[in-house]
Amino acid sequence: MKKFLTMMALAVGSTALHAAELKANPEAAKDKVAMCIGCHGIADYRTAFPEVYHVPKLGGQNAKYIENALKEYAKGDRKFQTMHGIAATLTEQEIVDIAAYYAQQTATTPVNPQK
């Protein structure tokens, strides 16, 4: 049992260390966020499936908030089928990059800035 607990502590510690090593690169997210624009880039957009839902603009949101939200969608802790499908395909690095990309913007930043 002691050996198992030691192994679990090492696994958790290495995961936390790995996450701490990730450096945000907003430039790397420019191509990745194209899939986000269709919903999150439309002012006052609402979805109709699976229920009426007001879709937030992401520009200017806190990076950690966006990271946590994407991770929760990926795990299924946040319930929205479309976001789960998208978030589940992202790597940890892509999540960090996307979060940084939107955090450096404001709510009025153009949704498709020139590259």
PDB file of N, CA and C in Angstrom:
ATOM      1  N   MET A   1       0.820  -1.191   0.000  1.00  0.00           N
ATOM      2  CA  MET A   1       0.000   0.000   0.000  1.00  0.00           C
ATOM      3  C   MET A   1       0.872   1.266   0.000  1.00  0.00           C
ATOM      4  N   LYS A   2       1.924   1.226   0.811  1.00  0.00           N
ATOM      5  CA  LYS A   2       2.811   2.376   0.893  1.00  0.00           C
ATOM      6  C   LYS A   2       3.475   2.643  -0.462  1.00  0.00           C
ATOM      7  N   LYS A   3       3.871   1.561  -1.142  1.00  0.00           N
ATOM      8  CA  LYS A   3       4.493   1.682  -2.455  1.00  0.00           C
ATOM      9  C   LYS A   3       3.504   2.299  -3.459  1.00  0.00           C
ATOM     10  N   PHE A   4       2.242   1.873  -3.390  1.00  0.00           N
ATOM     11  CA  PHE A   4       1.202   2.406  -4.273  1.00  0.00           C
ATOM     12  C   PHE A   4       1.000   3.902  -4.035  1.00  0.00           C
ATOM     13  N   LEU A   5       0.916   4.308  -2.783  1.00  0.00           N
ATOM     14  CA  LEU A   5       0.724   5.725  -2.457  1.00  0.00           C
ATOM     15  C   LEU A   5       1.913   6.557  -2.917  1.00  0.00           C
ATOM     16  N   THR A   6       3.110   6.021  -2.782  1.00  0.00           N
ATOM     17  CA  THR A   6       4.305   6.724  -3.252  1.00  0.00           C
ATOM     18  C   THR A   6       4.250   6.913  -4.767  1.00  0.00           C
ATOM     19  N   MET A   7       3.854   5.860  -5.475  1.00  0.00           N
ATOM     20  CA  MET A   7       3.753   5.941  -6.938  1.00  0.00           C
ATOM     21  C   MET A   7       2.687   6.959  -7.347  1.00  0.00           C
ATOM     22  N   MET A   8       1.565   6.973  -6.646  1.00  0.00           N
ATOM     23  CA  MET A   8       0.501   7.930  -6.952  1.00  0.00           C
ATOM     24  C   MET A   8       0.983   9.356  -6.706  1.00  0.00           C
ATOM     25  N   ALA A   9       1.687   9.583  -5.622  1.00  0.00           N
ATOM     26  CA  ALA A   9       2.207  10.920  -5.319  1.00  0.00           C
ATOM     27  C   ALA A   9       3.178  11.369  -6.397  1.00  0.00           C
ATOM     28  N   LEU A  10       4.028  10.462  -6.875  1.00  0.00           N
ATOM     29  CA  LEU A  10       4.970  10.801  -7.936  1.00  0.00           C
ATOM     30  C   LEU A  10       4.239  11.120  -9.236  1.00  0.00           C
ATOM     31  N   ALA A  11       3.199  10.360  -9.548  1.00  0.00           N
ATOM     32  CA  ALA A  11       2.433  10.594 -10.774  1.00  0.00           C
ATOM     33  C   ALA A  11       1.738  11.947 -10.728  1.00  0.00           C
ATOM     34  N   VAL A  12       1.110  12.251  -9.600  1.00  0.00           N
ATOM     35  CA  VAL A  12       0.429  13.539  -9.451  1.00  0.00           C
ATOM     36  C   VAL A  12       1.439  14.674  -9.501  1.00  0.00           C
ATOM     37  N   GLY A  13       2.557  14.508  -8.833  1.00  0.00           N
ATOM     38  CA  GLY A  13       3.602  15.537  -8.829  1.00  0.00           C
ATOM     39  C   GLY A  13       4.159  15.780 -10.210  1.00  0.00           C
ATOM     40  N   SER A  14       4.380  14.730 -10.993  1.00  0.00           N
ATOM     41  CA  SER A  14       4.937  14.921 -12.334  1.00  0.00           C
ATOM     42  C   SER A  14       3.921  15.572 -13.260  1.00  0.00           C
ATOM     43  N   THR A  15       2.627  15.277 -13.072  1.00  0.00           N
ATOM     44  CA  THR A  15       1.591  15.932 -13.876  1.00  0.00           C
ATOM     45  C   THR A  15       1.545  17.422 -13.560  1.00  0.00           C
ATOM     46  N   ALA A  16       1.604  17.767 -12.283  1.00  0.00           N
ATOM     47  CA  ALA A  16       1.597  19.177 -11.889  1.00  0.00           C
ATOM     48  C   ALA A  16       2.841  19.879 -12.415  1.00  0.00           C
ATOM     49  N   LEU A  17       3.975  19.205 -12.358  1.00  0.00           N
ATOM     50  CA  LEU A  17       5.210  19.791 -12.862  1.00  0.00           C
ATOM     51  C   LEU A  17       5.118  20.002 -14.370  1.00  0.00           C
ATOM     52  N   HIS A  18       4.565  19.027 -15.087  1.00  0.00           N
ATOM     53  CA  HIS A  18       4.404  19.145 -16.536  1.00  0.00           C
ATOM     54  C   HIS A  18       3.523  20.347 -16.881  1.00  0.00           C
ATOM     55  N   ALA A  19       2.407  20.489 -16.174  1.00  0.00           N
ATOM     56  CA  ALA A  19       1.507  21.609 -16.436  1.00  0.00           C
ATOM     57  C   ALA A  19       2.193  22.935 -16.142  1.00  0.00           C
ATOM     58  N   ALA A  20       3.029  22.971 -15.112  1.00  0.00           N
ATOM     59  CA  ALA A  20       3.726  24.209 -14.760  1.00  0.00           C
ATOM     60  C   ALA A  20       4.772  24.576 -15.809  1.00  0.00           C
ATOM     61  N   GLU A  21       5.278  23.579 -16.543  1.00  0.00           N
ATOM     62  CA  GLU A  21       6.301  23.822 -17.551  1.00  0.00           C
ATOM     63  C   GLU A  21       5.751  24.411 -18.837  1.00  0.00           C
ATOM     64  N   LEU A  22       4.460  24.311 -19.067  1.00  0.00           N
ATOM     65  CA  LEU A  22       3.881  24.801 -20.305  1.00  0.00           C
ATOM     66  C   LEU A  22       3.960  26.324 -20.360  1.00  0.00           C
ATOM     67  N   LYS A  23       4.497  26.822 -21.452  1.00  0.00           N
ATOM     68  CA  LYS A  23       4.597  28.269 -21.672  1.00  0.00           C
ATOM     69  C   LYS A  23       3.554  28.657 -22.716  1.00  0.00           C
ATOM     70  N   ALA A  24       2.766  29.636 -22.402  1.00  0.00           N
ATOM     71  CA  ALA A  24       1.722  30.091 -23.309  1.00  0.00           C
ATOM     72  C   ALA A  24       2.329  30.753 -24.541  1.00  0.00           C
ATOM     73  N   ASN A  25       1.812  30.402 -25.698  1.00  0.00           N
ATOM     74  CA  ASN A  25       2.246  30.982 -26.955  1.00  0.00           C
ATOM     75  C   ASN A  25       1.005  31.387 -27.754  1.00  0.00           C
ATOM     76  N   PRO A  26       0.526  32.620 -27.545  1.00  0.00           N
ATOM     77  CA  PRO A  26      -0.692  33.061 -28.237  1.00  0.00           C
ATOM     78  C   PRO A  26      -0.586  32.976 -29.757  1.00  0.00           C
ATOM     79  N   GLU A  27       0.606  33.202 -30.302  1.00  0.00           N
ATOM     80  CA  GLU A  27       0.791  33.129 -31.760  1.00  0.00           C
ATOM     81  C   GLU A  27       0.470  31.737 -32.292  1.00  0.00           C
ATOM     82  N   ALA A  28       0.814  30.713 -31.525  1.00  0.00           N
ATOM     83  CA  ALA A  28       0.570  29.333 -31.953  1.00  0.00           C
ATOM     84  C   ALA A  28      -0.924  29.018 -32.028  1.00  0.00           C
ATOM     85  N   ALA A  29      -1.741  29.810 -31.349  1.00  0.00           N
ATOM     86  CA  ALA A  29      -3.180  29.550 -31.319  1.00  0.00           C
ATOM     87  C   ALA A  29      -3.938  30.182 -32.473  1.00  0.00           C
ATOM     88  N   LYS A  30      -3.288  31.064 -33.222  1.00  0.00           N
ATOM     89  CA  LYS A  30      -4.010  31.805 -34.269  1.00  0.00           C
ATOM     90  C   LYS A  30      -4.768  30.908 -35.236  1.00  0.00           C
ATOM     91  N   ASP A  31      -4.150  29.837 -35.686  1.00  0.00           N
ATOM     92  CA  ASP A  31      -4.843  28.936 -36.603  1.00  0.00           C
ATOM     93  C   ASP A  31      -5.849  28.055 -35.874  1.00  0.00           C
ATOM     94  N   LYS A  32      -5.575  27.735 -34.643  1.00  0.00           N
ATOM     95  CA  LYS A  32      -6.431  26.838 -33.867  1.00  0.00           C
ATOM     96  C   LYS A  32      -7.766  27.485 -33.489  1.00  0.00           C
ATOM     97  N   VAL A  33      -7.781  28.803 -33.316  1.00  0.00           N
ATOM     98  CA  VAL A  33      -9.014  29.460 -32.864  1.00  0.00           C
ATOM     99  C   VAL A  33     -10.031  29.672 -33.985  1.00  0.00           C
ATOM    100  N   ALA A  34      -9.696  29.313 -35.197  1.00  0.00           N
ATOM    101  CA  ALA A  34     -10.643  29.468 -36.298  1.00  0.00           C
ATOM    102  C   ALA A  34     -11.949  28.736 -36.000  1.00  0.00           C
ATOM    103  N   MET A  35     -11.863  27.611 -35.308  1.00  0.00           N
ATOM    104  CA  MET A  35     -13.072  26.859 -34.979  1.00  0.00           C
ATOM    105  C   MET A  35     -13.916  27.557 -33.909  1.00  0.00           C
ATOM    106  N   CYS A  36     -13.326  28.482 -33.173  1.00  0.00           N
ATOM    107  CA  CYS A  36     -14.043  29.175 -32.095  1.00  0.00           C
ATOM    108  C   CYS A  36     -14.860  30.355 -32.609  1.00  0.00           C
ATOM    109  N   ILE A  37     -14.387  30.946 -33.695  1.00  0.00           N
ATOM    110  CA  ILE A  37     -14.964  32.185 -34.206  1.00  0.00           C
ATOM    111  C   ILE A  37     -16.432  32.030 -34.598  1.00  0.00           C
ATOM    112  N   GLY A  38     -16.788  30.865 -35.133  1.00  0.00           N
ATOM    113  CA  GLY A  38     -18.150  30.645 -35.600  1.00  0.00           C
ATOM    114  C   GLY A  38     -19.217  30.883 -34.552  1.00  0.00           C
ATOM    115  N   CYS A  39     -18.897  30.663 -33.300  1.00  0.00           N
ATOM    116  CA  CYS A  39     -19.863  30.901 -32.215  1.00  0.00           C
ATOM    117  C   CYS A  39     -19.442  32.059 -31.314  1.00  0.00           C
ATOM    118  N   HIS A  40     -18.179  32.055 -30.907  1.00  0.00           N
ATOM    119  CA  HIS A  40     -17.705  33.037 -29.935  1.00  0.00           C
ATOM    120  C   HIS A  40     -17.337  34.380 -30.554  1.00  0.00           C
ATOM    121  N   GLY A  41     -17.381  34.472 -31.863  1.00  0.00           N
ATOM    122  CA  GLY A  41     -17.035  35.726 -32.526  1.00  0.00           C
ATOM    123  C   GLY A  41     -18.238  36.522 -32.983  1.00  0.00           C
ATOM    124  N   ILE A  42     -19.422  36.054 -32.666  1.00  0.00           N
ATOM    125  CA  ILE A  42     -20.645  36.727 -33.098  1.00  0.00           C
ATOM    126  C   ILE A  42     -21.267  37.429 -31.889  1.00  0.00           C
ATOM    127  N   ALA A  43     -21.409  38.727 -32.004  1.00  0.00           N
ATOM    128  CA  ALA A  43     -21.967  39.497 -30.881  1.00  0.00           C
ATOM    129  C   ALA A  43     -23.375  39.006 -30.547  1.00  0.00           C
ATOM    130  N   ASP A  44     -23.635  38.775 -29.278  1.00  0.00           N
ATOM    131  CA  ASP A  44     -24.937  38.377 -28.747  1.00  0.00           C
ATOM    132  C   ASP A  44     -25.470  37.091 -29.385  1.00  0.00           C
ATOM    133  N   TYR A  45     -24.576  36.166 -29.718  1.00  0.00           N
ATOM    134  CA  TYR A  45     -24.974  34.910 -30.344  1.00  0.00           C
ATOM    135  C   TYR A  45     -25.610  33.976 -29.327  1.00  0.00           C
ATOM    136  N   ARG A  46     -26.659  33.280 -29.761  1.00  0.00           N
ATOM    137  CA  ARG A  46     -27.321  32.275 -28.929  1.00  0.00           C
ATOM    138  C   ARG A  46     -27.456  30.996 -29.742  1.00  0.00           C
ATOM    139  N   THR A  47     -27.214  29.875 -29.083  1.00  0.00           N
ATOM    140  CA  THR A  47     -27.416  28.598 -29.747  1.00  0.00           C
ATOM    141  C   THR A  47     -28.840  28.133 -29.489  1.00  0.00           C
ATOM    142  N   ALA A  48     -29.297  27.210 -30.270  1.00  0.00           N
ATOM    143  CA  ALA A  48     -30.638  26.673 -30.070  1.00  0.00           C
ATOM    144  C   ALA A  48     -30.588  25.192 -29.716  1.00  0.00           C
ATOM    145  N   PHE A  49     -29.395  24.618 -29.642  1.00  0.00           N
ATOM    146  CA  PHE A  49     -29.277  23.203 -29.337  1.00  0.00           C
ATOM    147  C   PHE A  49     -28.174  22.988 -28.325  1.00  0.00           C
ATOM    148  N   PRO A  50     -28.312  22.225 -27.333  1.00  0.00           N
ATOM    149  CA  PRO A  50     -29.506  21.459 -26.980  1.00  0.00           C
ATOM    150  C   PRO A  50     -30.564  22.302 -26.292  1.00  0.00           C
ATOM    151  N   GLU A  51     -30.226  23.518 -25.943  1.00  0.00           N
ATOM    152  CA  GLU A  51     -31.173  24.478 -25.376  1.00  0.00           C
ATOM    153  C   GLU A  51     -30.691  25.861 -25.772  1.00  0.00           C
ATOM    154  N   VAL A  52     -31.510  26.862 -25.558  1.00  0.00           N
ATOM    155  CA  VAL A  52     -31.076  28.225 -25.877  1.00  0.00           C
ATOM    156  C   VAL A  52     -29.992  28.609 -24.878  1.00  0.00           C
ATOM    157  N   TYR A  53     -28.866  29.016 -25.406  1.00  0.00           N
ATOM    158  CA  TYR A  53     -27.699  29.300 -24.588  1.00  0.00           C
ATOM    159  C   TYR A  53     -27.000  30.519 -25.149  1.00  0.00           C
ATOM    160  N   HIS A  54     -26.729  31.498 -24.304  1.00  0.00           N
ATOM    161  CA  HIS A  54     -26.008  32.694 -24.722  1.00  0.00           C
ATOM    162  C   HIS A  54     -24.516  32.362 -24.785  1.00  0.00           C
ATOM    163  N   VAL A  55     -23.918  32.537 -25.946  1.00  0.00           N
ATOM    164  CA  VAL A  55     -22.503  32.203 -26.150  1.00  0.00           C
ATOM    165  C   VAL A  55     -21.657  33.431 -25.826  1.00  0.00           C
ATOM    166  N   PRO A  56     -20.719  33.311 -24.892  1.00  0.00           N
ATOM    167  CA  PRO A  56     -19.914  34.475 -24.504  1.00  0.00           C
ATOM    168  C   PRO A  56     -18.828  34.814 -25.519  1.00  0.00           C
ATOM    169  N   LYS A  57     -18.509  36.085 -25.611  1.00  0.00           N
ATOM    170  CA  LYS A  57     -17.326  36.512 -26.360  1.00  0.00           C
ATOM    171  C   LYS A  57     -16.126  36.150 -25.479  1.00  0.00           C
ATOM    172  N   LEU A  58     -15.061  35.691 -26.078  1.00  0.00           N
ATOM    173  CA  LEU A  58     -13.913  35.229 -25.305  1.00  0.00           C
ATOM    174  C   LEU A  58     -12.829  36.278 -25.118  1.00  0.00           C
ATOM    175  N   GLY A  59     -12.761  37.277 -26.001  1.00  0.00           N
ATOM    176  CA  GLY A  59     -11.725  38.297 -25.912  1.00  0.00           C
ATOM    177  C   GLY A  59     -11.733  39.006 -24.574  1.00  0.00           C
ATOM    178  N   GLY A  60     -10.572  39.015 -23.925  1.00  0.00           N
ATOM    179  CA  GLY A  60     -10.441  39.714 -22.649  1.00  0.00           C
ATOM    180  C   GLY A  60     -10.748  38.861 -21.432  1.00  0.00           C
ATOM    181  N   GLN A  61     -11.184  37.617 -21.639  1.00  0.00           N
ATOM    182  CA  GLN A  61     -11.420  36.735 -20.492  1.00  0.00           C
ATOM    183  C   GLN A  61     -10.080  36.377 -19.855  1.00  0.00           C
ATOM    184  N   ASN A  62     -10.105  36.040 -18.598  1.00  0.00           N
ATOM    185  CA  ASN A  62      -8.920  35.613 -17.868  1.00  0.00           C
ATOM    186  C   ASN A  62      -8.421  34.286 -18.441  1.00  0.00           C
ATOM    187  N   ALA A  63      -7.114  34.185 -18.701  1.00  0.00           N
ATOM    188  CA  ALA A  63      -6.539  32.986 -19.305  1.00  0.00           C
ATOM    189  C   ALA A  63      -6.793  31.739 -18.458  1.00  0.00           C
ATOM    190  N   LYS A  64      -6.637  31.845 -17.162  1.00  0.00           N
ATOM    191  CA  LYS A  64      -6.832  30.676 -16.290  1.00  0.00           C
ATOM    192  C   LYS A  64      -8.284  30.217 -16.335  1.00  0.00           C
ATOM    193  N   TYR A  65      -9.208  31.156 -16.424  1.00  0.00           N
ATOM    194  CA  TYR A  65     -10.630  30.810 -16.531  1.00  0.00           C
ATOM    195  C   TYR A  65     -10.884  30.013 -17.815  1.00  0.00           C
ATOM    196  N   ILE A  66     -10.328  30.484 -18.934  1.00  0.00           N
ATOM    197  CA  ILE A  66     -10.517  29.797 -20.211  1.00  0.00           C
ATOM    198  C   ILE A  66      -9.874  28.411 -20.163  1.00  0.00           C
ATOM    199  N   GLU A  67      -8.670  28.326 -19.612  1.00  0.00           N
ATOM    200  CA  GLU A  67      -7.996  27.028 -19.469  1.00  0.00           C
ATOM    201  C   GLU A  67      -8.863  26.047 -18.685  1.00  0.00           C
ATOM    202  N   ASN A  68      -9.326  26.495 -17.535  1.00  0.00           N
ATOM    203  CA  ASN A  68     -10.135  25.623 -16.682  1.00  0.00           C
ATOM    204  C   ASN A  68     -11.427  25.216 -17.380  1.00  0.00           C
ATOM    205  N   ALA A  69     -12.064  26.155 -18.061  1.00  0.00           N
ATOM    206  CA  ALA A  69     -13.312  25.845 -18.762  1.00  0.00           C
ATOM    207  C   ALA A  69     -13.071  24.794 -19.846  1.00  0.00           C
ATOM    208  N   LEU A  70     -12.018  24.963 -20.635  1.00  0.00           N
ATOM    209  CA  LEU A  70     -11.728  23.997 -21.693  1.00  0.00           C
ATOM    210  C   LEU A  70     -11.426  22.615 -21.119  1.00  0.00           C
ATOM    211  N   LYS A  71     -10.685  22.570 -20.031  1.00  0.00           N
ATOM    212  CA  LYS A  71     -10.383  21.287 -19.395  1.00  0.00           C
ATOM    213  C   LYS A  71     -11.653  20.633 -18.847  1.00  0.00           C
ATOM    214  N   GLU A  72     -12.544  21.439 -18.287  1.00  0.00           N
ATOM    215  CA  GLU A  72     -13.802  20.904 -17.759  1.00  0.00           C
ATOM    216  C   GLU A  72     -14.702  20.400 -18.888  1.00  0.00           C
ATOM    217  N   TYR A  73     -14.733  21.118 -20.014  1.00  0.00           N
ATOM    218  CA  TYR A  73     -15.492  20.624 -21.168  1.00  0.00           C
ATOM    219  C   TYR A  73     -14.891  19.323 -21.678  1.00  0.00           C
ATOM    220  N   ALA A  74     -13.572  19.252 -21.755  1.00  0.00           N
ATOM    221  CA  ALA A  74     -12.897  18.053 -22.256  1.00  0.00           C
ATOM    222  C   ALA A  74     -13.224  16.837 -21.393  1.00  0.00           C
ATOM    223  N   LYS A  75     -13.241  17.015 -20.077  1.00  0.00           N
ATOM    224  CA  LYS A  75     -13.537  15.904 -19.162  1.00  0.00           C
ATOM    225  C   LYS A  75     -15.024  15.586 -19.096  1.00  0.00           C
ATOM    226  N   GLY A  76     -15.860  16.507 -19.559  1.00  0.00           N
ATOM    227  CA  GLY A  76     -17.302  16.306 -19.471  1.00  0.00           C
ATOM    228  C   GLY A  76     -17.907  16.878 -18.206  1.00  0.00           C
ATOM    229  N   ASP A  77     -17.083  17.588 -17.400  1.00  0.00           N
ATOM    230  CA  ASP A  77     -17.604  18.211 -16.177  1.00  0.00           C
ATOM    231  C   ASP A  77     -18.526  19.382 -16.501  1.00  0.00           C
ATOM    232  N   ARG A  78     -18.256  20.073 -17.590  1.00  0.00           N
ATOM    233  CA  ARG A  78     -19.168  21.099 -18.107  1.00  0.00           C
ATOM    234  C   ARG A  78     -19.943  20.451 -19.228  1.00  0.00           C
ATOM    235  N   LYS A  79     -21.235  20.650 -19.238  1.00  0.00           N
ATOM    236  CA  LYS A  79     -22.112  19.945 -20.167  1.00  0.00           C
ATOM    237  C   LYS A  79     -22.504  20.822 -21.347  1.00  0.00           C
ATOM    238  N   PHE A  80     -21.832  20.625 -22.456  1.00  0.00           N
ATOM    239  CA  PHE A  80     -22.248  21.215 -23.730  1.00  0.00           C
ATOM    240  C   PHE A  80     -21.564  20.390 -24.808  1.00  0.00           C
ATOM    241  N   GLN A  81     -22.355  19.603 -25.525  1.00  0.00           N
ATOM    242  CA  GLN A  81     -21.840  18.601 -26.449  1.00  0.00           C
ATOM    243  C   GLN A  81     -20.816  19.158 -27.434  1.00  0.00           C
ATOM    244  N   THR A  82     -21.127  20.295 -28.044  1.00  0.00           N
ATOM    245  CA  THR A  82     -20.221  20.867 -29.038  1.00  0.00           C
ATOM    246  C   THR A  82     -18.880  21.221 -28.416  1.00  0.00           C
ATOM    247  N   MET A  83     -18.911  21.887 -27.272  1.00  0.00           N
ATOM    248  CA  MET A  83     -17.659  22.261 -26.611  1.00  0.00           C
ATOM    249  C   MET A  83     -16.900  21.030 -26.132  1.00  0.00           C
ATOM    250  N   HIS A  84     -17.593  20.014 -25.687  1.00  0.00           N
ATOM    251  CA  HIS A  84     -16.912  18.783 -25.278  1.00  0.00           C
ATOM    252  C   HIS A  84     -16.174  18.185 -26.474  1.00  0.00           C
ATOM    253  N   GLY A  85     -16.840  18.124 -27.620  1.00  0.00           N
ATOM    254  CA  GLY A  85     -16.227  17.561 -28.817  1.00  0.00           C
ATOM    255  C   GLY A  85     -14.982  18.310 -29.250  1.00  0.00           C
ATOM    256  N   ILE A  86     -15.011  19.617 -29.127  1.00  0.00           N
ATOM    257  CA  ILE A  86     -13.854  20.439 -29.511  1.00  0.00           C
ATOM    258  C   ILE A  86     -12.752  20.336 -28.462  1.00  0.00           C
ATOM    259  N   ALA A  87     -13.102  20.557 -27.219  1.00  0.00           N
ATOM    260  CA  ALA A  87     -12.096  20.587 -26.148  1.00  0.00           C
ATOM    261  C   ALA A  87     -11.398  19.242 -25.982  1.00  0.00           C
ATOM    262  N   ALA A  88     -12.106  18.161 -26.218  1.00  0.00           N
ATOM    263  CA  ALA A  88     -11.521  16.834 -26.046  1.00  0.00           C
ATOM    264  C   ALA A  88     -10.413  16.560 -27.062  1.00  0.00           C
ATOM    265  N   THR A  89     -10.372  17.324 -28.150  1.00  0.00           N
ATOM    266  CA  THR A  89      -9.334  17.119 -29.161  1.00  0.00           C
ATOM    267  C   THR A  89      -8.083  17.950 -28.905  1.00  0.00           C
ATOM    268  N   LEU A  90      -8.150  18.868 -27.945  1.00  0.00           N
ATOM    269  CA  LEU A  90      -7.039  19.784 -27.696  1.00  0.00           C
ATOM    270  C   LEU A  90      -6.003  19.181 -26.749  1.00  0.00           C
ATOM    271  N   THR A  91      -4.747  19.473 -27.026  1.00  0.00           N
ATOM    272  CA  THR A  91      -3.683  19.097 -26.096  1.00  0.00           C
ATOM    273  C   THR A  91      -3.626  20.135 -24.976  1.00  0.00           C
ATOM    274  N   GLU A  92      -2.902  19.815 -23.918  1.00  0.00           N
ATOM    275  CA  GLU A  92      -2.731  20.785 -22.830  1.00  0.00           C
ATOM    276  C   GLU A  92      -2.064  22.057 -23.349  1.00  0.00           C
ATOM    277  N   GLN A  93      -1.074  21.904 -24.226  1.00  0.00           N
ATOM    278  CA  GLN A  93      -0.378  23.068 -24.781  1.00  0.00           C
ATOM    279  C   GLN A  93      -1.332  23.916 -25.607  1.00  0.00           C
ATOM    280  N   GLU A  94      -2.165  23.295 -26.409  1.00  0.00           N
ATOM    281  CA  GLU A  94      -3.123  24.058 -27.209  1.00  0.00           C
ATOM    282  C   GLU A  94      -4.105  24.814 -26.328  1.00  0.00           C
ATOM    283  N   ILE A  95      -4.533  24.207 -25.244  1.00  0.00           N
ATOM    284  CA  ILE A  95      -5.441  24.876 -24.308  1.00  0.00           C
ATOM    285  C   ILE A  95      -4.770  26.113 -23.712  1.00  0.00           C
ATOM    286  N   VAL A  96      -3.526  25.976 -23.280  1.00  0.00           N
ATOM    287  CA  VAL A  96      -2.785  27.101 -22.707  1.00  0.00           C
ATOM    288  C   VAL A  96      -2.605  28.209 -23.750  1.00  0.00           C
ATOM    289  N   ASP A  97      -2.285  27.817 -24.978  1.00  0.00           N
ATOM    290  CA  ASP A  97      -2.084  28.795 -26.053  1.00  0.00           C
ATOM    291  C   ASP A  97      -3.377  29.535 -26.396  1.00  0.00           C
ATOM    292  N   ILE A  98      -4.477  28.800 -26.513  1.00  0.00           N
ATOM    293  CA  ILE A  98      -5.773  29.412 -26.841  1.00  0.00           C
ATOM    294  C   ILE A  98      -6.192  30.364 -25.730  1.00  0.00           C
ATOM    295  N   ALA A  99      -6.020  29.941 -24.492  1.00  0.00           N
ATOM    296  CA  ALA A  99      -6.372  30.797 -23.353  1.00  0.00           C
ATOM    297  C   ALA A  99      -5.574  32.098 -23.385  1.00  0.00           C
ATOM    298  N   ALA A 100      -4.287  31.994 -23.664  1.00  0.00           N
ATOM    299  CA  ALA A 100      -3.436  33.194 -23.733  1.00  0.00           C
ATOM    300  C   ALA A 100      -3.840  34.074 -24.908  1.00  0.00           C
ATOM    301  N   TYR A 101      -4.186  33.464 -26.025  1.00  0.00           N
ATOM    302  CA  TYR A 101      -4.609  34.207 -27.215  1.00  0.00           C
ATOM    303  C   TYR A 101      -5.820  35.096 -26.897  1.00  0.00           C
ATOM    304  N   TYR A 102      -6.831  34.508 -26.279  1.00  0.00           N
ATOM    305  CA  TYR A 102      -8.032  35.288 -25.967  1.00  0.00           C
ATOM    306  C   TYR A 102      -7.814  36.260 -24.813  1.00  0.00           C
ATOM    307  N   ALA A 103      -6.976  35.913 -23.854  1.00  0.00           N
ATOM    308  CA  ALA A 103      -6.726  36.790 -22.711  1.00  0.00           C
ATOM    309  C   ALA A 103      -6.039  38.080 -23.120  1.00  0.00           C
ATOM    310  N   GLN A 104      -5.242  38.053 -24.185  1.00  0.00           N
ATOM    311  CA  GLN A 104      -4.535  39.267 -24.610  1.00  0.00           C
ATOM    312  C   GLN A 104      -5.439  40.204 -25.416  1.00  0.00           C
ATOM    313  N   GLN A 105      -6.640  39.771 -25.711  1.00  0.00           N
ATOM    314  CA  GLN A 105      -7.579  40.594 -26.468  1.00  0.00           C
ATOM    315  C   GLN A 105      -8.505  41.359 -25.537  1.00  0.00           C
ATOM    316  N   THR A 106      -9.390  42.129 -26.150  1.00  0.00           N
ATOM    317  CA  THR A 106     -10.480  42.757 -25.416  1.00  0.00           C
ATOM    318  C   THR A 106     -11.778  42.256 -26.028  1.00  0.00           C
ATOM    319  N   ALA A 107     -12.886  42.578 -25.436  1.00  0.00           N
ATOM    320  CA  ALA A 107     -14.184  42.142 -25.952  1.00  0.00           C
ATOM    321  C   ALA A 107     -14.462  42.741 -27.330  1.00  0.00           C
ATOM    322  N   THR A 108     -13.761  43.803 -27.690  1.00  0.00           N
ATOM    323  CA  THR A 108     -14.002  44.446 -28.980  1.00  0.00           C
ATOM    324  C   THR A 108     -12.920  44.152 -30.028  1.00  0.00           C
ATOM    325  N   THR A 109     -11.970  43.286 -29.702  1.00  0.00           N
ATOM    326  CA  THR A 109     -10.942  42.897 -30.667  1.00  0.00           C
ATOM    327  C   THR A 109     -11.613  42.224 -31.856  1.00  0.00           C
ATOM    328  N   PRO A 110     -11.231  42.581 -33.091  1.00  0.00           N
ATOM    329  CA  PRO A 110     -11.821  41.897 -34.261  1.00  0.00           C
ATOM    330  C   PRO A 110     -11.603  40.395 -34.173  1.00  0.00           C
ATOM    331  N   VAL A 111     -12.609  39.616 -34.570  1.00  0.00           N
ATOM    332  CA  VAL A 111     -12.547  38.163 -34.402  1.00  0.00           C
ATOM    333  C   VAL A 111     -11.626  37.486 -35.405  1.00  0.00           C
ATOM    334  N   ASN A 112     -11.298  38.125 -36.499  1.00  0.00           N
ATOM    335  CA  ASN A 112     -10.442  37.507 -37.496  1.00  0.00           C
ATOM    336  C   ASN A 112      -9.336  38.487 -37.886  1.00  0.00           C
ATOM    337  N   PRO A 113      -8.446  38.838 -36.939  1.00  0.00           N
ATOM    338  CA  PRO A 113      -7.387  39.803 -37.259  1.00  0.00           C
ATOM    339  C   PRO A 113      -6.466  39.242 -38.339  1.00  0.00           C
ATOM    340  N   GLN A 114      -5.915  40.125 -39.125  1.00  0.00           N
ATOM    341  CA  GLN A 114      -4.985  39.708 -40.174  1.00  0.00           C
ATOM    342  C   GLN A 114      -3.754  39.091 -39.554  1.00  0.00           C
ATOM    343  N   LYS A 115      -3.273  38.030 -40.159  1.00  0.00           N
ATOM    344  CA  LYS A 115      -2.081  37.350 -39.636  1.00  0.00           C
ATOM    345  C   LYS A 115      -0.832  38.042 -40.074  1.00  0.00           C
TER     346      LYS A 115
END
